[in-house]
N, C-alpha and C. Protein backbone atom coordinates (compact mmCIF):
# COMPACT_ATOMS: atom_id res chain seq x y z
N MET A 1 -24.36 27.63 -25.76
CA MET A 1 -23.87 26.73 -24.76
C MET A 1 -24.59 26.94 -23.42
N LYS A 2 -24.72 28.23 -23.01
CA LYS A 2 -25.42 28.52 -21.75
C LYS A 2 -26.85 28.02 -21.81
N ARG A 3 -27.47 28.21 -22.97
CA ARG A 3 -28.86 27.78 -23.13
C ARG A 3 -28.99 26.27 -22.99
N SER A 4 -28.05 25.52 -23.57
CA SER A 4 -28.06 24.05 -23.48
C SER A 4 -27.91 23.60 -22.03
N LEU A 5 -26.99 24.26 -21.30
CA LEU A 5 -26.79 23.91 -19.89
C LEU A 5 -28.04 24.21 -19.07
N LEU A 6 -28.69 25.32 -19.36
CA LEU A 6 -29.91 25.69 -18.65
C LEU A 6 -31.02 24.67 -18.91
N VAL A 7 -31.16 24.25 -20.16
CA VAL A 7 -32.18 23.25 -20.51
C VAL A 7 -31.88 21.92 -19.82
N CYS A 8 -30.61 21.51 -19.81
CA CYS A 8 -30.22 20.26 -19.14
C CYS A 8 -30.47 20.33 -17.64
N ALA A 9 -30.12 21.45 -17.03
CA ALA A 9 -30.35 21.61 -15.59
C ALA A 9 -31.83 21.54 -15.27
N PHE A 10 -32.65 22.19 -16.08
CA PHE A 10 -34.10 22.16 -15.87
C PHE A 10 -34.63 20.73 -16.01
N ALA A 11 -34.16 20.01 -17.02
CA ALA A 11 -34.62 18.63 -17.24
C ALA A 11 -34.25 17.74 -16.06
N ILE A 12 -33.05 17.93 -15.52
CA ILE A 12 -32.63 17.12 -14.36
C ILE A 12 -33.50 17.43 -13.15
N LEU A 13 -33.79 18.71 -12.92
CA LEU A 13 -34.66 19.09 -11.79
C LEU A 13 -36.04 18.49 -11.92
N VAL A 14 -36.61 18.54 -13.13
CA VAL A 14 -37.94 17.98 -13.36
C VAL A 14 -37.93 16.47 -13.14
N CYS A 15 -36.93 15.79 -13.66
CA CYS A 15 -36.83 14.33 -13.50
C CYS A 15 -36.70 13.96 -12.02
N CYS A 16 -35.89 14.67 -11.28
CA CYS A 16 -35.71 14.38 -9.85
C CYS A 16 -37.01 14.58 -9.09
N ALA A 17 -37.73 15.64 -9.42
CA ALA A 17 -39.01 15.91 -8.74
C ALA A 17 -40.01 14.81 -9.05
N VAL A 18 -40.05 14.36 -10.31
CA VAL A 18 -40.98 13.29 -10.68
C VAL A 18 -40.62 12.00 -9.97
N LEU A 19 -39.35 11.63 -9.94
CA LEU A 19 -38.92 10.40 -9.28
C LEU A 19 -39.18 10.45 -7.78
N ALA A 20 -39.06 11.62 -7.18
CA ALA A 20 -39.26 11.74 -5.74
C ALA A 20 -40.71 11.43 -5.36
N GLN A 21 -41.64 11.56 -6.27
CA GLN A 21 -43.04 11.31 -5.98
C GLN A 21 -43.49 9.90 -6.35
N ARG A 22 -42.58 9.08 -6.85
CA ARG A 22 -42.92 7.72 -7.23
C ARG A 22 -43.16 6.86 -6.01
N LEU A 23 -44.15 5.98 -6.09
CA LEU A 23 -44.39 5.02 -5.02
C LEU A 23 -43.36 3.91 -5.09
N PRO A 24 -43.06 3.28 -3.95
CA PRO A 24 -42.15 2.14 -4.00
C PRO A 24 -42.74 1.02 -4.87
N GLY A 25 -41.91 0.28 -5.53
CA GLY A 25 -42.37 -0.80 -6.40
C GLY A 25 -42.83 -2.01 -5.61
N GLY A 26 -43.29 -3.02 -6.35
CA GLY A 26 -43.66 -4.28 -5.72
C GLY A 26 -45.15 -4.48 -5.53
N VAL A 27 -45.95 -3.42 -5.71
CA VAL A 27 -47.40 -3.52 -5.56
C VAL A 27 -48.04 -2.96 -6.82
N THR A 28 -48.90 -3.76 -7.46
CA THR A 28 -49.58 -3.32 -8.68
C THR A 28 -51.08 -3.33 -8.45
N PRO A 29 -51.74 -2.15 -8.49
CA PRO A 29 -53.20 -2.14 -8.36
C PRO A 29 -53.84 -2.62 -9.66
N ASN A 30 -54.87 -3.45 -9.54
CA ASN A 30 -55.57 -3.97 -10.72
C ASN A 30 -56.95 -3.38 -10.89
N HIS A 31 -57.62 -3.05 -9.77
CA HIS A 31 -58.99 -2.54 -9.84
C HIS A 31 -59.32 -1.78 -8.57
N TYR A 32 -60.01 -0.66 -8.73
CA TYR A 32 -60.46 0.14 -7.59
C TYR A 32 -61.98 0.17 -7.58
N THR A 33 -62.58 -0.03 -6.41
CA THR A 33 -64.01 0.18 -6.22
C THR A 33 -64.12 1.30 -5.18
N LEU A 34 -64.71 2.44 -5.59
CA LEU A 34 -64.78 3.62 -4.75
C LEU A 34 -66.22 4.00 -4.47
N ASN A 35 -66.51 4.28 -3.21
CA ASN A 35 -67.83 4.80 -2.81
C ASN A 35 -67.59 6.03 -1.95
N PHE A 36 -68.29 7.12 -2.27
CA PHE A 36 -68.15 8.37 -1.52
C PHE A 36 -69.51 8.85 -1.03
N THR A 37 -69.52 9.43 0.16
CA THR A 37 -70.66 10.19 0.65
C THR A 37 -70.14 11.61 0.83
N ILE A 38 -70.70 12.54 0.07
CA ILE A 38 -70.24 13.91 0.06
C ILE A 38 -71.05 14.73 1.07
N HIS A 39 -70.36 15.58 1.84
CA HIS A 39 -71.00 16.47 2.81
C HIS A 39 -70.64 17.91 2.41
N PHE A 40 -71.49 18.50 1.56
CA PHE A 40 -71.19 19.85 1.07
C PHE A 40 -71.28 20.91 2.16
N ALA A 41 -72.05 20.65 3.22
CA ALA A 41 -72.20 21.63 4.30
C ALA A 41 -70.85 21.97 4.94
N ASN A 42 -69.96 20.97 5.07
CA ASN A 42 -68.64 21.24 5.64
C ASN A 42 -67.50 20.86 4.69
N ASN A 43 -67.82 20.70 3.40
CA ASN A 43 -66.83 20.39 2.36
C ASN A 43 -65.95 19.21 2.73
N SER A 44 -66.61 18.11 3.11
CA SER A 44 -65.88 16.88 3.45
C SER A 44 -66.55 15.70 2.77
N PHE A 45 -65.94 14.53 2.92
CA PHE A 45 -66.52 13.30 2.37
C PHE A 45 -66.08 12.11 3.18
N ASP A 46 -66.90 11.06 3.13
CA ASP A 46 -66.55 9.76 3.69
C ASP A 46 -66.27 8.85 2.51
N GLY A 47 -65.23 8.02 2.63
CA GLY A 47 -64.88 7.12 1.55
C GLY A 47 -64.81 5.69 2.03
N ASP A 48 -65.21 4.80 1.15
CA ASP A 48 -65.13 3.36 1.37
C ASP A 48 -64.55 2.80 0.08
N GLU A 49 -63.38 2.22 0.16
CA GLU A 49 -62.64 1.84 -1.04
C GLU A 49 -62.12 0.41 -0.93
N THR A 50 -62.17 -0.30 -2.03
CA THR A 50 -61.55 -1.62 -2.13
C THR A 50 -60.59 -1.59 -3.30
N ILE A 51 -59.34 -2.00 -3.03
CA ILE A 51 -58.34 -2.06 -4.09
C ILE A 51 -57.91 -3.51 -4.27
N ASP A 52 -58.12 -4.05 -5.46
CA ASP A 52 -57.59 -5.37 -5.81
C ASP A 52 -56.18 -5.13 -6.33
N LEU A 53 -55.21 -5.79 -5.72
CA LEU A 53 -53.82 -5.55 -6.10
C LEU A 53 -53.03 -6.83 -6.13
N LYS A 54 -51.82 -6.72 -6.65
CA LYS A 54 -50.91 -7.87 -6.72
C LYS A 54 -49.59 -7.48 -6.08
N LEU A 55 -49.13 -8.33 -5.17
CA LEU A 55 -47.81 -8.14 -4.57
C LEU A 55 -46.80 -8.95 -5.37
N ASP A 56 -45.72 -8.31 -5.80
CA ASP A 56 -44.68 -9.00 -6.57
C ASP A 56 -43.85 -9.93 -5.69
N LYS A 57 -43.75 -9.58 -4.39
CA LYS A 57 -42.98 -10.39 -3.45
C LYS A 57 -43.61 -10.24 -2.08
N PRO A 58 -43.35 -11.15 -1.16
CA PRO A 58 -43.92 -11.02 0.19
C PRO A 58 -43.53 -9.68 0.82
N SER A 59 -44.46 -9.12 1.60
CA SER A 59 -44.21 -7.81 2.20
C SER A 59 -45.10 -7.62 3.42
N THR A 60 -44.71 -6.69 4.27
CA THR A 60 -45.56 -6.31 5.40
C THR A 60 -46.11 -4.90 5.21
N THR A 61 -45.81 -4.27 4.05
CA THR A 61 -46.28 -2.90 3.81
C THR A 61 -46.87 -2.73 2.42
N ILE A 62 -47.80 -1.80 2.33
CA ILE A 62 -48.37 -1.34 1.06
C ILE A 62 -48.40 0.18 1.15
N THR A 63 -47.81 0.87 0.17
CA THR A 63 -47.78 2.33 0.16
C THR A 63 -48.58 2.84 -1.04
N LEU A 64 -49.39 3.88 -0.79
CA LEU A 64 -50.18 4.48 -1.86
C LEU A 64 -50.21 5.99 -1.69
N ASN A 65 -50.70 6.70 -2.70
CA ASN A 65 -50.83 8.14 -2.64
C ASN A 65 -52.04 8.51 -1.79
N ALA A 66 -51.90 9.54 -0.98
CA ALA A 66 -53.01 10.01 -0.15
C ALA A 66 -52.74 11.46 0.24
N VAL A 67 -53.75 12.29 0.09
CA VAL A 67 -53.62 13.70 0.47
C VAL A 67 -54.86 14.12 1.25
N GLU A 68 -54.65 14.73 2.41
CA GLU A 68 -55.73 15.23 3.25
C GLU A 68 -56.77 14.15 3.56
N ILE A 69 -56.29 12.97 3.94
CA ILE A 69 -57.15 11.83 4.26
C ILE A 69 -56.92 11.41 5.71
N ALA A 70 -58.01 11.15 6.43
CA ALA A 70 -57.93 10.57 7.78
C ALA A 70 -58.43 9.13 7.66
N PHE A 71 -57.54 8.18 7.87
CA PHE A 71 -57.88 6.76 7.74
C PHE A 71 -58.52 6.26 9.03
N HIS A 72 -59.63 5.53 8.89
CA HIS A 72 -60.34 5.00 10.06
C HIS A 72 -60.15 3.50 10.21
N GLN A 73 -60.12 2.79 9.09
CA GLN A 73 -59.94 1.34 9.14
C GLN A 73 -59.33 0.87 7.83
N VAL A 74 -58.30 0.03 7.95
CA VAL A 74 -57.68 -0.58 6.77
C VAL A 74 -57.51 -2.06 7.06
N ARG A 75 -58.07 -2.89 6.19
CA ARG A 75 -57.91 -4.35 6.30
C ARG A 75 -57.32 -4.84 4.99
N VAL A 76 -56.35 -5.74 5.12
CA VAL A 76 -55.69 -6.32 3.94
C VAL A 76 -55.91 -7.82 3.98
N ALA A 77 -56.42 -8.36 2.87
CA ALA A 77 -56.66 -9.80 2.76
C ALA A 77 -55.78 -10.38 1.66
N CYS A 78 -55.00 -11.40 2.01
CA CYS A 78 -54.11 -12.10 1.07
C CYS A 78 -53.99 -13.56 1.49
N GLY A 79 -53.91 -14.41 0.52
CA GLY A 79 -53.61 -15.81 0.81
C GLY A 79 -54.56 -16.46 1.80
N GLY A 80 -55.82 -16.08 1.78
CA GLY A 80 -56.81 -16.70 2.66
C GLY A 80 -56.92 -16.09 4.05
N GLY A 81 -56.06 -15.13 4.38
CA GLY A 81 -56.12 -14.49 5.70
C GLY A 81 -56.38 -12.99 5.56
N SER A 82 -56.82 -12.39 6.65
CA SER A 82 -57.11 -10.96 6.65
C SER A 82 -56.50 -10.34 7.90
N GLN A 83 -55.93 -9.13 7.76
CA GLN A 83 -55.29 -8.44 8.87
C GLN A 83 -55.69 -6.97 8.87
N THR A 84 -55.76 -6.40 10.07
CA THR A 84 -55.94 -4.97 10.20
C THR A 84 -54.57 -4.33 10.09
N ALA A 85 -54.48 -3.28 9.28
CA ALA A 85 -53.20 -2.59 9.07
C ALA A 85 -53.11 -1.33 9.91
N LYS A 86 -51.91 -1.03 10.34
CA LYS A 86 -51.60 0.27 10.97
C LYS A 86 -51.27 1.23 9.83
N VAL A 87 -51.66 2.49 9.99
CA VAL A 87 -51.45 3.48 8.93
C VAL A 87 -50.47 4.54 9.40
N SER A 88 -49.48 4.81 8.57
CA SER A 88 -48.60 5.96 8.81
C SER A 88 -48.65 6.83 7.56
N THR A 89 -48.68 8.14 7.76
CA THR A 89 -48.78 9.04 6.62
C THR A 89 -47.52 9.89 6.50
N ASP A 90 -47.20 10.22 5.28
CA ASP A 90 -46.09 11.12 4.94
C ASP A 90 -46.74 12.31 4.23
N GLU A 91 -47.10 13.33 5.02
CA GLU A 91 -47.82 14.49 4.50
C GLU A 91 -47.03 15.21 3.40
N LYS A 92 -45.73 15.33 3.59
CA LYS A 92 -44.89 16.06 2.64
C LYS A 92 -44.94 15.43 1.25
N ASN A 93 -44.82 14.10 1.20
CA ASN A 93 -44.82 13.39 -0.08
C ASN A 93 -46.20 12.87 -0.48
N GLU A 94 -47.22 13.18 0.35
CA GLU A 94 -48.61 12.80 0.06
C GLU A 94 -48.75 11.30 -0.15
N MET A 95 -48.24 10.53 0.83
CA MET A 95 -48.31 9.08 0.77
C MET A 95 -48.78 8.52 2.11
N ALA A 96 -49.38 7.33 2.05
CA ALA A 96 -49.76 6.59 3.25
C ALA A 96 -49.21 5.18 3.11
N THR A 97 -48.72 4.64 4.22
CA THR A 97 -48.21 3.27 4.22
C THR A 97 -49.02 2.45 5.20
N PHE A 98 -49.52 1.31 4.72
CA PHE A 98 -50.26 0.35 5.55
C PHE A 98 -49.28 -0.74 5.96
N THR A 99 -49.19 -1.01 7.25
CA THR A 99 -48.27 -2.01 7.77
C THR A 99 -49.05 -3.06 8.54
N VAL A 100 -48.80 -4.33 8.23
CA VAL A 100 -49.46 -5.45 8.91
C VAL A 100 -48.43 -6.21 9.73
N ASP A 101 -48.92 -6.96 10.72
CA ASP A 101 -48.03 -7.71 11.61
C ASP A 101 -47.43 -8.94 10.93
N ARG A 102 -48.27 -9.68 10.22
CA ARG A 102 -47.81 -10.90 9.55
C ARG A 102 -47.54 -10.62 8.07
N GLN A 103 -46.44 -11.16 7.57
CA GLN A 103 -46.06 -10.93 6.18
C GLN A 103 -47.16 -11.37 5.22
N LEU A 104 -47.42 -10.52 4.23
CA LEU A 104 -48.38 -10.83 3.18
C LEU A 104 -47.67 -11.63 2.10
N PRO A 105 -48.28 -12.71 1.60
CA PRO A 105 -47.62 -13.49 0.55
C PRO A 105 -47.69 -12.79 -0.80
N ALA A 106 -46.76 -13.12 -1.68
CA ALA A 106 -46.82 -12.61 -3.05
C ALA A 106 -48.09 -13.12 -3.71
N GLY A 107 -48.64 -12.32 -4.62
CA GLY A 107 -49.84 -12.72 -5.33
C GLY A 107 -50.97 -11.74 -5.12
N PRO A 108 -52.20 -12.17 -5.44
CA PRO A 108 -53.35 -11.26 -5.34
C PRO A 108 -53.71 -10.93 -3.89
N CYS A 109 -54.09 -9.68 -3.67
CA CYS A 109 -54.52 -9.21 -2.35
C CYS A 109 -55.66 -8.22 -2.53
N GLU A 110 -56.28 -7.90 -1.42
CA GLU A 110 -57.37 -6.92 -1.44
C GLU A 110 -57.20 -6.01 -0.23
N ALA A 111 -57.21 -4.70 -0.46
CA ALA A 111 -57.16 -3.73 0.63
C ALA A 111 -58.52 -3.05 0.72
N ARG A 112 -59.12 -3.09 1.92
CA ARG A 112 -60.41 -2.42 2.17
C ARG A 112 -60.14 -1.25 3.11
N ILE A 113 -60.53 -0.06 2.67
CA ILE A 113 -60.14 1.17 3.36
C ILE A 113 -61.37 2.02 3.64
N LYS A 114 -61.49 2.49 4.88
CA LYS A 114 -62.53 3.46 5.26
C LYS A 114 -61.82 4.72 5.73
N TYR A 115 -62.28 5.88 5.24
CA TYR A 115 -61.59 7.13 5.54
C TYR A 115 -62.52 8.32 5.38
N THR A 116 -62.05 9.47 5.85
CA THR A 116 -62.72 10.75 5.58
C THR A 116 -61.68 11.69 4.99
N GLY A 117 -62.18 12.71 4.30
CA GLY A 117 -61.29 13.68 3.70
C GLY A 117 -61.97 15.02 3.53
N GLN A 118 -61.16 16.01 3.21
CA GLN A 118 -61.65 17.36 2.97
C GLN A 118 -61.70 17.61 1.46
N LEU A 119 -62.77 18.26 1.01
CA LEU A 119 -62.85 18.71 -0.38
C LEU A 119 -62.03 20.00 -0.44
N ASN A 120 -60.87 19.94 -1.06
CA ASN A 120 -59.98 21.10 -1.11
C ASN A 120 -60.25 21.93 -2.37
N ASP A 121 -59.56 23.03 -2.50
CA ASP A 121 -59.67 23.87 -3.69
C ASP A 121 -58.34 23.90 -4.45
N LYS A 122 -57.55 22.82 -4.31
CA LYS A 122 -56.20 22.79 -4.88
C LYS A 122 -56.10 21.90 -6.12
N LEU A 123 -57.21 21.45 -6.64
CA LEU A 123 -57.25 20.62 -7.85
C LEU A 123 -56.46 19.33 -7.69
N ARG A 124 -56.51 18.72 -6.50
CA ARG A 124 -55.84 17.44 -6.27
C ARG A 124 -56.74 16.57 -5.41
N GLY A 125 -56.66 15.27 -5.62
CA GLY A 125 -57.54 14.36 -4.90
C GLY A 125 -58.98 14.60 -5.31
N LEU A 126 -59.90 14.36 -4.40
CA LEU A 126 -61.31 14.69 -4.60
C LEU A 126 -61.46 16.13 -4.12
N TYR A 127 -61.79 17.02 -5.01
CA TYR A 127 -61.78 18.44 -4.65
C TYR A 127 -63.11 19.12 -5.00
N LEU A 128 -63.27 20.32 -4.49
CA LEU A 128 -64.50 21.09 -4.63
C LEU A 128 -64.43 21.99 -5.85
N SER A 129 -65.48 21.96 -6.64
CA SER A 129 -65.61 22.86 -7.78
C SER A 129 -66.95 23.57 -7.64
N THR A 130 -66.98 24.84 -7.95
CA THR A 130 -68.23 25.61 -7.90
C THR A 130 -68.45 26.25 -9.26
N TYR A 131 -69.65 26.07 -9.79
CA TYR A 131 -70.00 26.64 -11.09
C TYR A 131 -71.44 27.12 -10.99
N THR A 132 -71.66 28.34 -11.36
CA THR A 132 -72.98 29.00 -11.29
C THR A 132 -73.66 28.79 -9.93
N GLY A 133 -72.85 28.88 -8.87
CA GLY A 133 -73.39 28.78 -7.52
C GLY A 133 -73.66 27.37 -7.02
N ARG A 134 -73.37 26.37 -7.83
CA ARG A 134 -73.58 24.97 -7.41
C ARG A 134 -72.26 24.31 -7.11
N LYS A 135 -72.21 23.56 -6.02
CA LYS A 135 -71.01 22.84 -5.65
C LYS A 135 -70.99 21.46 -6.28
N SER A 136 -69.79 21.02 -6.67
CA SER A 136 -69.58 19.66 -7.19
C SER A 136 -68.30 19.12 -6.60
N ALA A 137 -68.28 17.83 -6.35
CA ALA A 137 -67.05 17.14 -5.94
C ALA A 137 -66.51 16.45 -7.18
N VAL A 138 -65.26 16.76 -7.55
CA VAL A 138 -64.69 16.23 -8.78
C VAL A 138 -63.26 15.75 -8.53
N PHE A 139 -62.75 14.94 -9.43
CA PHE A 139 -61.34 14.53 -9.40
C PHE A 139 -60.89 14.29 -10.83
N GLN A 140 -59.59 14.28 -11.01
CA GLN A 140 -59.00 14.08 -12.33
C GLN A 140 -58.46 12.67 -12.41
N MET A 141 -58.89 11.93 -13.41
CA MET A 141 -58.36 10.57 -13.60
C MET A 141 -58.04 10.39 -15.06
């Protein structure tokens, strides 16, 4: 009986932790185009990314996962118009939210993002790997 309760308690904790890291619904990414310039001298990178996505309903925000990223420019194009987004980050939950002034219509959209980041050694995001004295920038997908 104690063992069953322990297993159930562990399962509940794991489920809660997984749900806590879920992104808000309503936005579905369809395609990512990623370009990186790696700077091994200071273990950093510049990124230029385009995300083709679909909004399920009109919104003024788009939230995505982000860790150790400094955003420089975010533009969102939907319904024939384009807007510059303000970025707010949630470091604890490793998320970034893009907010635009005018509501984005439901349907296809495109987010264009320019940013810099650090190559970390924590096996998350774009990170640094060293093998036989050579540095590599890698990520898990």
